[in-house]
Amino acid sequence: MKENLIDIENLKVRFYTYEGVVKALEGVNLSLRKGETLGVAGETGCGKSVTGLSVLVLVPPPGKIEGGRITFKNANKTIDLLKQKESFLCDIRGKEISMIFQEPRAALNPVYTVETQLSEVFLHHRRKELIQRVLDGLEKDVKNGKGGLFYGIERSLYRRMLENSDSLYLRFVSKIPVVRRYRLRLKKEIRKEIIRTLREIEIADPERVLNMYPHELSGGMAQRVVIAMALTCNPTLLIADEPTTSVDVTIQAQILSLIRRLKEKFGSSVIYITHDMGVIAETCDRVAIMYAGSICEVADVMEIFKNPLHPYTKGLLESIPTPGKEFKSIKGTVPNLINPPKGCRFHPRCSKAMEICAKVTPKMVEVEEGHFVACHLYRGA
């Protein structure tokens, strides 16, 4: 069995609103193995996206992570992301852990071109690599007797940029008018890398797309640009938060195929967040079912579909429209998480609820190898 890349233990997230404290996540336990695709499924508002944002430590205000651990294996070191400084997390985000957001137009700045926004990612995470490429090119030209004095000055400048790439030196240098022209080489190198990345995610005519603003892009094109931003640094972990919600079925199939191929190429692990069980069946190795801020069942994807154990999982699968079968819906509504039900949060809607369900929160138990469920029906397993 492969070792775990991410371990989420007893994660608790609260949102402090005027109406009260929203208990968004209540003791979430989840793990992701290296190289696998883990699906996180459930109804809207169950906490799927908040779980993904918690891994990046990017829960928006008024939300707060109030408990738990999120351990991440980075370069053979196990680190607790919730205990790291913001400067360290900024280096991790985008480079080691990336996220494809649900709404691509909300993830793109409307006043900047695609090139400007992608350039920012390259400059933040791959600056040294790109400066070294420019320097290698200059060294080669100088050895071949090209450029004379100006090439020598330019080479010296890029050496200083490489030595001081993480300081205020670059900002100071860029203000000098005579020096600005020397940065054109770096800009051209970044542009070349952006075009290569856009071609890799199958964007036609990337040179034209570079100069476009987000409002000029179609839904599928905008989503591909967001995917390009997420994959710029070949991250170890990719969190895909319903990346096909805003596109039609044809584009959805293309994006799912693209994510699958890129995952295989770069060897990344993927957390795929969705409410579409059809997408789960097509793309994932394992699946975690969430309800009202907690995990209720985890198993291999085929096991979930063949042998669902939790009453909520069964209801979720029965509510999928199937030819020749009567449509069934789960009775009741999702609970208000300001005052969630005591015990099992699903018990008011559960047809198999017992007296204990309204009093005691069920613990996750392993019923079969690799098949975990949080339900009092299996407390003796």
Protein backbone atom coordinates (compact mmCIF):
# COMPACT_ATOMS: atom_id res chain seq x y z
CA MET A 1 0.00 0.00 0.00
CA LYS A 2 1.28 3.45 -0.90
CA GLU A 3 2.14 5.85 1.92
CA ASN A 4 -0.08 8.81 2.66
CA LEU A 5 0.66 12.23 1.22
CA ILE A 6 -1.93 14.12 3.27
CA ASP A 7 -3.49 13.19 6.62
CA ILE A 8 -6.36 15.28 7.97
CA GLU A 9 -7.09 14.54 11.61
CA ASN A 10 -10.06 15.79 13.64
CA LEU A 11 -10.37 19.01 11.57
CA LYS A 12 -12.81 21.59 12.95
CA VAL A 13 -13.78 24.79 11.14
CA ARG A 14 -16.16 27.48 12.42
CA PHE A 15 -17.69 30.51 10.70
CA TYR A 16 -18.60 33.37 13.02
CA THR A 17 -21.65 35.12 11.55
CA TYR A 18 -24.27 37.55 12.88
CA GLU A 19 -26.79 34.71 13.07
CA GLY A 20 -24.47 32.50 15.08
CA VAL A 21 -21.48 30.17 14.87
CA VAL A 22 -21.65 27.87 11.84
CA LYS A 23 -20.07 24.50 12.67
CA ALA A 24 -18.90 23.91 9.09
CA LEU A 25 -16.55 20.97 9.75
CA GLU A 26 -16.85 18.73 12.78
CA GLY A 27 -13.96 16.34 13.33
CA VAL A 28 -13.12 15.51 9.70
CA ASN A 29 -10.64 12.62 9.30
CA LEU A 30 -9.31 11.91 5.82
CA SER A 31 -6.16 10.66 4.12
CA LEU A 32 -4.80 10.83 0.58
CA ARG A 33 -2.26 8.33 -0.71
CA LYS A 34 0.55 9.25 -3.05
CA GLY A 35 -0.47 9.04 -6.70
CA GLU A 36 -4.18 8.42 -6.10
CA THR A 37 -7.31 10.39 -6.95
CA LEU A 38 -9.61 10.79 -3.96
CA GLY A 39 -13.17 11.90 -4.62
CA VAL A 40 -15.01 13.95 -2.00
CA ALA A 41 -18.75 13.84 -2.65
CA GLY A 42 -21.91 15.09 -0.97
CA GLU A 43 -24.74 17.59 -1.14
CA THR A 44 -24.15 21.32 -1.60
CA GLY A 45 -23.12 22.88 1.71
CA CYS A 46 -21.73 19.70 3.29
CA GLY A 47 -18.21 21.14 3.67
CA LYS A 48 -16.39 19.76 0.62
CA SER A 49 -14.91 23.08 -0.55
CA VAL A 50 -14.09 24.17 3.02
CA THR A 51 -12.10 20.95 3.44
CA GLY A 52 -10.12 21.74 0.28
CA LEU A 53 -9.47 25.32 1.36
CA SER A 54 -8.38 24.10 4.81
CA VAL A 55 -5.60 22.02 3.21
CA LEU A 56 -4.27 25.27 1.71
CA VAL A 57 -4.98 27.09 5.01
CA LEU A 58 -7.09 29.55 3.01
CA VAL A 59 -10.44 29.41 4.83
CA PRO A 60 -12.00 32.83 4.10
CA PRO A 61 -13.14 35.09 6.95
CA PRO A 62 -15.20 34.92 9.10
CA GLY A 63 -14.10 31.28 9.05
CA LYS A 64 -11.46 29.90 11.41
CA ILE A 65 -9.73 26.55 11.70
CA GLU A 66 -10.20 25.78 15.38
CA GLY A 67 -8.80 22.31 15.76
CA GLY A 68 -7.10 19.34 14.22
CA ARG A 69 -3.98 18.60 12.19
CA ILE A 70 -3.22 18.54 8.47
CA THR A 71 0.08 16.76 7.88
CA PHE A 72 1.76 16.90 4.49
CA LYS A 73 4.80 14.92 3.36
CA ASN A 74 7.08 17.47 1.70
CA ALA A 75 10.53 16.38 0.47
CA ASN A 76 10.51 13.35 2.82
CA LYS A 77 9.56 15.61 5.74
CA THR A 78 6.18 15.45 7.47
CA ILE A 79 4.90 18.93 8.33
CA ASP A 80 1.72 20.16 10.01
CA LEU A 81 0.39 22.82 7.63
CA LEU A 82 -1.72 24.44 10.36
CA LYS A 83 1.43 25.29 12.37
CA GLN A 84 3.41 26.90 9.56
CA LYS A 85 4.07 30.62 9.04
CA GLU A 86 2.33 32.45 6.21
CA SER A 87 5.61 32.97 4.34
CA PHE A 88 6.21 29.20 4.27
CA LEU A 89 2.62 28.54 3.16
CA CYS A 90 2.99 31.05 0.31
CA ASP A 91 5.89 28.99 -1.04
CA ILE A 92 3.91 25.74 -0.67
CA ARG A 93 0.76 27.06 -2.38
CA GLY A 94 1.03 26.74 -6.12
CA LYS A 95 4.36 24.93 -5.96
CA GLU A 96 3.57 21.82 -3.87
CA ILE A 97 -0.22 22.16 -3.46
CA SER A 98 -2.42 23.78 -6.11
CA MET A 99 -6.17 24.27 -6.40
CA ILE A 100 -8.52 24.52 -9.38
CA PHE A 101 -11.36 26.69 -8.14
CA GLN A 102 -15.03 26.04 -8.81
CA GLU A 103 -15.72 29.30 -10.66
CA PRO A 104 -12.84 30.16 -13.05
CA ARG A 105 -13.88 33.78 -13.61
CA ALA A 106 -13.80 34.40 -9.86
CA ALA A 107 -10.24 33.01 -9.75
CA LEU A 108 -9.00 35.33 -12.54
CA ASN A 109 -8.43 39.07 -12.14
CA PRO A 110 -10.67 40.84 -14.68
CA VAL A 111 -8.26 43.74 -15.31
CA TYR A 112 -5.15 41.71 -16.23
CA THR A 113 -4.40 39.66 -19.32
CA VAL A 114 -3.81 35.92 -19.21
CA GLU A 115 -0.08 36.48 -19.77
CA THR A 116 0.22 38.89 -16.82
CA GLN A 117 -1.58 36.53 -14.44
CA LEU A 118 0.38 33.45 -15.47
CA SER A 119 3.66 35.42 -15.38
CA GLU A 120 3.05 36.16 -11.70
CA VAL A 121 3.01 32.44 -10.91
CA PHE A 122 6.27 31.84 -12.80
CA LEU A 123 7.99 34.81 -11.16
CA HIS A 124 6.95 33.74 -7.67
CA HIS A 125 7.74 30.01 -7.85
CA ARG A 126 10.16 29.49 -10.77
CA ARG A 127 12.13 32.74 -10.88
CA LYS A 128 15.55 31.22 -10.23
CA GLU A 129 15.06 28.50 -12.85
CA LEU A 130 14.08 31.02 -15.53
CA ILE A 131 16.85 33.49 -14.66
CA GLN A 132 19.36 30.63 -14.88
CA ARG A 133 18.07 29.79 -18.37
CA VAL A 134 18.55 33.39 -19.49
CA LEU A 135 22.02 33.45 -17.94
CA ASP A 136 23.00 30.21 -19.68
CA GLY A 137 21.92 31.73 -23.01
CA LEU A 138 23.98 34.87 -22.37
CA GLU A 139 27.02 32.84 -21.34
CA LYS A 140 26.78 30.91 -24.60
CA ASP A 141 26.47 34.12 -26.64
CA VAL A 142 29.47 35.73 -24.91
CA LYS A 143 31.60 32.63 -25.54
CA ASN A 144 30.66 32.85 -29.22
CA GLY A 145 31.84 36.48 -29.31
CA LYS A 146 28.38 38.06 -29.59
CA GLY A 147 27.14 41.24 -27.99
CA GLY A 148 30.41 42.74 -26.80
CA LEU A 149 30.32 45.10 -23.79
CA PHE A 150 26.51 45.25 -23.52
CA TYR A 151 26.22 41.46 -23.29
CA GLY A 152 28.85 41.49 -20.54
CA ILE A 153 26.86 44.08 -18.56
CA GLU A 154 23.64 42.12 -19.12
CA ARG A 155 25.26 38.88 -17.97
CA SER A 156 26.52 40.60 -14.83
CA LEU A 157 23.03 41.95 -14.15
CA TYR A 158 21.37 38.54 -14.40
CA ARG A 159 24.01 37.02 -12.14
CA ARG A 160 23.09 39.62 -9.51
CA MET A 161 19.39 38.91 -10.11
CA LEU A 162 20.02 35.19 -9.51
CA GLU A 163 21.92 35.88 -6.30
CA ASN A 164 19.27 38.31 -5.02
CA SER A 165 16.14 36.76 -6.53
CA ASP A 166 14.28 36.64 -3.20
CA SER A 167 15.13 40.19 -2.02
CA LEU A 168 14.15 43.78 -2.77
CA TYR A 169 17.04 44.01 -5.24
CA LEU A 170 14.85 43.08 -8.23
CA ARG A 171 12.30 45.76 -7.38
CA PHE A 172 15.04 48.37 -7.09
CA VAL A 173 16.74 47.35 -10.32
CA SER A 174 13.48 47.37 -12.29
CA LYS A 175 13.03 51.08 -11.53
CA ILE A 176 16.21 52.04 -13.40
CA PRO A 177 15.22 53.02 -17.00
CA VAL A 178 18.49 51.82 -18.58
CA VAL A 179 18.12 48.41 -16.94
CA ARG A 180 14.51 47.78 -17.96
CA ARG A 181 15.49 46.68 -21.46
CA TYR A 182 17.67 43.94 -19.98
CA ARG A 183 14.64 42.38 -18.29
CA LEU A 184 13.10 41.77 -21.71
CA ARG A 185 15.08 38.53 -21.98
CA LEU A 186 13.46 37.26 -18.78
CA LYS A 187 10.04 38.35 -20.00
CA LYS A 188 10.57 36.50 -23.30
CA GLU A 189 11.67 33.37 -21.46
CA ILE A 190 8.55 33.50 -19.27
CA ARG A 191 6.34 34.06 -22.31
CA LYS A 192 7.91 31.03 -24.03
CA GLU A 193 7.21 28.89 -20.94
CA ILE A 194 3.61 30.13 -20.70
CA ILE A 195 2.96 29.25 -24.35
CA ARG A 196 4.40 25.76 -23.74
CA THR A 197 2.12 25.32 -20.72
CA LEU A 198 -0.98 26.48 -22.61
CA ARG A 199 -0.19 24.09 -25.46
CA GLU A 200 0.16 21.29 -22.92
CA ILE A 201 -3.40 21.84 -21.71
CA GLU A 202 -4.60 21.85 -25.32
CA ILE A 203 -5.41 25.55 -25.78
CA ALA A 204 -5.47 26.35 -29.49
CA ASP A 205 -3.52 29.43 -30.63
CA PRO A 206 -1.93 30.21 -27.21
CA GLU A 207 -0.17 33.32 -28.60
CA ARG A 208 -3.57 34.93 -29.15
CA VAL A 209 -4.99 33.78 -25.79
CA LEU A 210 -2.05 35.35 -23.92
CA ASN A 211 -3.27 38.85 -24.75
CA MET A 212 -6.91 38.19 -23.84
CA TYR A 213 -8.74 39.34 -20.69
CA PRO A 214 -10.91 36.91 -18.66
CA HIS A 215 -14.17 38.34 -20.02
CA GLU A 216 -13.01 37.47 -23.55
CA LEU A 217 -12.61 33.78 -22.72
CA SER A 218 -15.33 31.14 -23.03
CA GLY A 219 -16.19 29.09 -19.94
CA GLY A 220 -14.11 26.13 -21.07
CA MET A 221 -11.17 28.34 -22.06
CA ALA A 222 -11.24 30.19 -18.71
CA GLN A 223 -11.24 26.86 -16.87
CA ARG A 224 -8.23 25.68 -18.91
CA VAL A 225 -6.34 28.86 -18.00
CA VAL A 226 -7.07 28.24 -14.31
CA ILE A 227 -5.84 24.65 -14.74
CA ALA A 228 -2.67 26.02 -16.38
CA MET A 229 -2.08 28.27 -13.37
CA ALA A 230 -2.55 25.32 -11.01
CA LEU A 231 -0.17 23.05 -12.96
CA THR A 232 2.56 25.62 -13.67
CA CYS A 233 4.91 24.11 -11.07
CA ASN A 234 3.91 20.44 -11.45
CA PRO A 235 2.44 20.27 -7.90
CA THR A 236 2.56 17.18 -5.73
CA LEU A 237 -1.09 17.66 -4.75
CA LEU A 238 -3.87 19.07 -6.93
CA ILE A 239 -7.23 19.99 -5.37
CA ALA A 240 -9.94 20.20 -8.04
CA ASP A 241 -13.05 21.91 -6.65
CA GLU A 242 -15.87 21.02 -9.07
CA PRO A 243 -13.85 22.18 -12.12
CA THR A 244 -16.57 21.19 -14.60
CA THR A 245 -19.58 22.89 -12.96
CA SER A 246 -19.72 25.92 -15.27
CA VAL A 247 -19.14 24.12 -18.60
CA ASP A 248 -21.30 21.98 -20.88
CA VAL A 249 -21.08 18.18 -21.09
CA THR A 250 -18.69 18.10 -24.07
CA ILE A 251 -16.18 20.47 -22.42
CA GLN A 252 -16.64 18.59 -19.11
CA ALA A 253 -15.44 15.36 -20.72
CA GLN A 254 -12.43 17.15 -22.23
CA ILE A 255 -11.43 18.72 -18.89
CA LEU A 256 -11.78 15.43 -16.99
CA SER A 257 -9.62 13.70 -19.61
CA LEU A 258 -7.07 16.53 -19.44
CA ILE A 259 -6.78 16.37 -15.63
CA ARG A 260 -6.36 12.58 -15.81
CA ARG A 261 -3.57 12.79 -18.40
CA LEU A 262 -1.73 15.59 -16.59
CA LYS A 263 -1.97 13.67 -13.29
CA GLU A 264 -0.37 10.63 -14.93
CA LYS A 265 2.31 12.74 -16.61
CA PHE A 266 3.41 14.62 -13.47
CA GLY A 267 2.65 11.87 -10.94
CA SER A 268 0.45 14.15 -8.86
CA SER A 269 -2.16 13.16 -6.28
CA VAL A 270 -5.64 14.64 -6.74
CA ILE A 271 -8.48 15.51 -4.38
CA TYR A 272 -11.53 15.77 -6.64
CA ILE A 273 -14.45 17.63 -5.03
CA THR A 274 -17.83 17.14 -6.68
CA HIS A 275 -21.51 16.36 -6.12
CA ASP A 276 -21.66 14.34 -9.35
CA MET A 277 -21.37 10.60 -8.59
CA GLY A 278 -20.95 9.89 -12.32
CA VAL A 279 -17.74 11.94 -12.36
CA ILE A 280 -16.60 10.13 -9.19
CA ALA A 281 -17.10 6.74 -10.88
CA GLU A 282 -15.14 7.85 -13.94
CA THR A 283 -12.14 9.57 -12.37
CA CYS A 284 -11.49 8.46 -8.77
CA ASP A 285 -9.70 5.56 -7.04
CA ARG A 286 -11.32 6.07 -3.63
CA VAL A 287 -14.23 8.19 -2.48
CA ALA A 288 -15.18 9.92 0.78
CA ILE A 289 -18.86 10.74 1.32
CA MET A 290 -19.53 13.91 3.34
CA TYR A 291 -22.71 15.01 5.08
CA ALA A 292 -23.24 18.21 7.10
CA GLY A 293 -19.57 18.79 7.87
CA SER A 294 -18.43 15.25 8.64
CA ILE A 295 -17.22 12.16 6.76
CA CYS A 296 -19.74 9.32 6.88
CA GLU A 297 -18.13 6.70 4.60
CA VAL A 298 -14.80 6.04 2.84
CA ALA A 299 -14.04 3.19 0.45
CA ASP A 300 -12.70 2.25 -2.98
CA VAL A 301 -14.89 3.75 -5.67
CA MET A 302 -16.17 0.39 -6.95
CA GLU A 303 -16.93 -0.76 -3.40
CA ILE A 304 -19.03 2.36 -2.75
CA PHE A 305 -21.17 1.73 -5.80
CA LYS A 306 -21.51 -2.05 -5.26
CA ASN A 307 -21.84 -2.13 -1.49
CA PRO A 308 -22.79 1.25 0.09
CA LEU A 309 -23.17 0.90 3.86
CA HIS A 310 -24.19 4.27 5.26
CA PRO A 311 -27.91 5.13 4.81
CA TYR A 312 -26.90 8.53 3.38
CA THR A 313 -24.61 6.95 0.77
CA LYS A 314 -27.40 4.57 -0.22
CA GLY A 315 -29.83 7.49 -0.53
CA LEU A 316 -27.32 9.46 -2.57
CA LEU A 317 -26.89 6.62 -5.07
CA GLU A 318 -30.63 5.93 -5.25
CA SER A 319 -31.29 9.58 -6.08
CA ILE A 320 -29.27 9.30 -9.31
CA PRO A 321 -31.76 9.17 -12.23
CA THR A 322 -31.47 5.70 -13.81
CA PRO A 323 -33.45 4.41 -16.82
CA GLY A 324 -36.01 1.78 -15.79
CA LYS A 325 -35.83 2.63 -12.07
CA GLU A 326 -38.11 4.75 -9.94
CA PHE A 327 -36.51 8.02 -8.85
CA LYS A 328 -36.01 8.25 -5.08
CA SER A 329 -35.05 11.33 -3.14
CA ILE A 330 -33.73 11.65 0.40
CA LYS A 331 -36.51 12.95 2.60
CA GLY A 332 -36.05 16.13 4.63
CA THR A 333 -33.52 18.91 4.17
CA VAL A 334 -29.89 19.58 5.02
CA PRO A 335 -29.67 20.74 8.67
CA ASN A 336 -28.81 24.25 9.78
CA LEU A 337 -25.16 24.02 10.88
CA ILE A 338 -25.61 26.83 13.41
CA ASN A 339 -27.74 24.39 15.44
CA PRO A 340 -26.95 20.96 13.96
CA PRO A 341 -28.71 17.82 15.25
CA LYS A 342 -27.04 16.12 18.19
CA GLY A 343 -25.50 12.71 17.71
CA CYS A 344 -25.45 11.64 14.08
CA ARG A 345 -26.25 14.69 11.96
CA PHE A 346 -28.12 12.53 9.44
CA HIS A 347 -30.50 10.87 11.92
CA PRO A 348 -33.50 13.24 11.34
CA ARG A 349 -33.56 12.11 7.68
CA CYS A 350 -32.54 8.49 8.20
CA SER A 351 -35.09 5.68 7.77
CA LYS A 352 -32.98 3.38 9.98
CA ALA A 353 -32.40 5.81 12.86
CA MET A 354 -32.24 4.34 16.36
CA GLU A 355 -32.47 5.96 19.78
CA ILE A 356 -28.69 6.10 20.14
CA CYS A 357 -28.36 8.05 16.86
CA ALA A 358 -29.90 11.18 18.41
CA LYS A 359 -27.53 11.09 21.41
CA VAL A 360 -24.10 9.78 20.40
CA THR A 361 -21.96 10.79 17.42
CA PRO A 362 -20.91 7.57 15.64
CA LYS A 363 -17.22 6.80 15.28
CA MET A 364 -15.60 5.72 12.05
CA VAL A 365 -15.13 1.94 12.01
CA GLU A 366 -13.54 -0.37 9.42
CA VAL A 367 -16.24 -2.84 8.36
CA GLU A 368 -14.16 -4.45 5.62
CA GLU A 369 -10.56 -3.89 4.56
CA GLY A 370 -10.33 -0.29 3.36
CA HIS A 371 -14.09 0.31 3.83
CA PHE A 372 -14.85 2.71 6.68
CA VAL A 373 -18.26 3.91 7.85
CA ALA A 374 -19.52 6.17 10.65
CA CYS A 375 -22.87 4.64 11.57
CA HIS A 376 -24.32 3.00 14.70
CA LEU A 377 -25.65 0.15 12.54
CA TYR A 378 -22.03 -1.08 12.31
CA ARG A 379 -20.77 -0.20 15.77
CA GLY A 380 -20.07 -3.87 16.50
CA ALA A 381 -17.98 -4.34 13.34
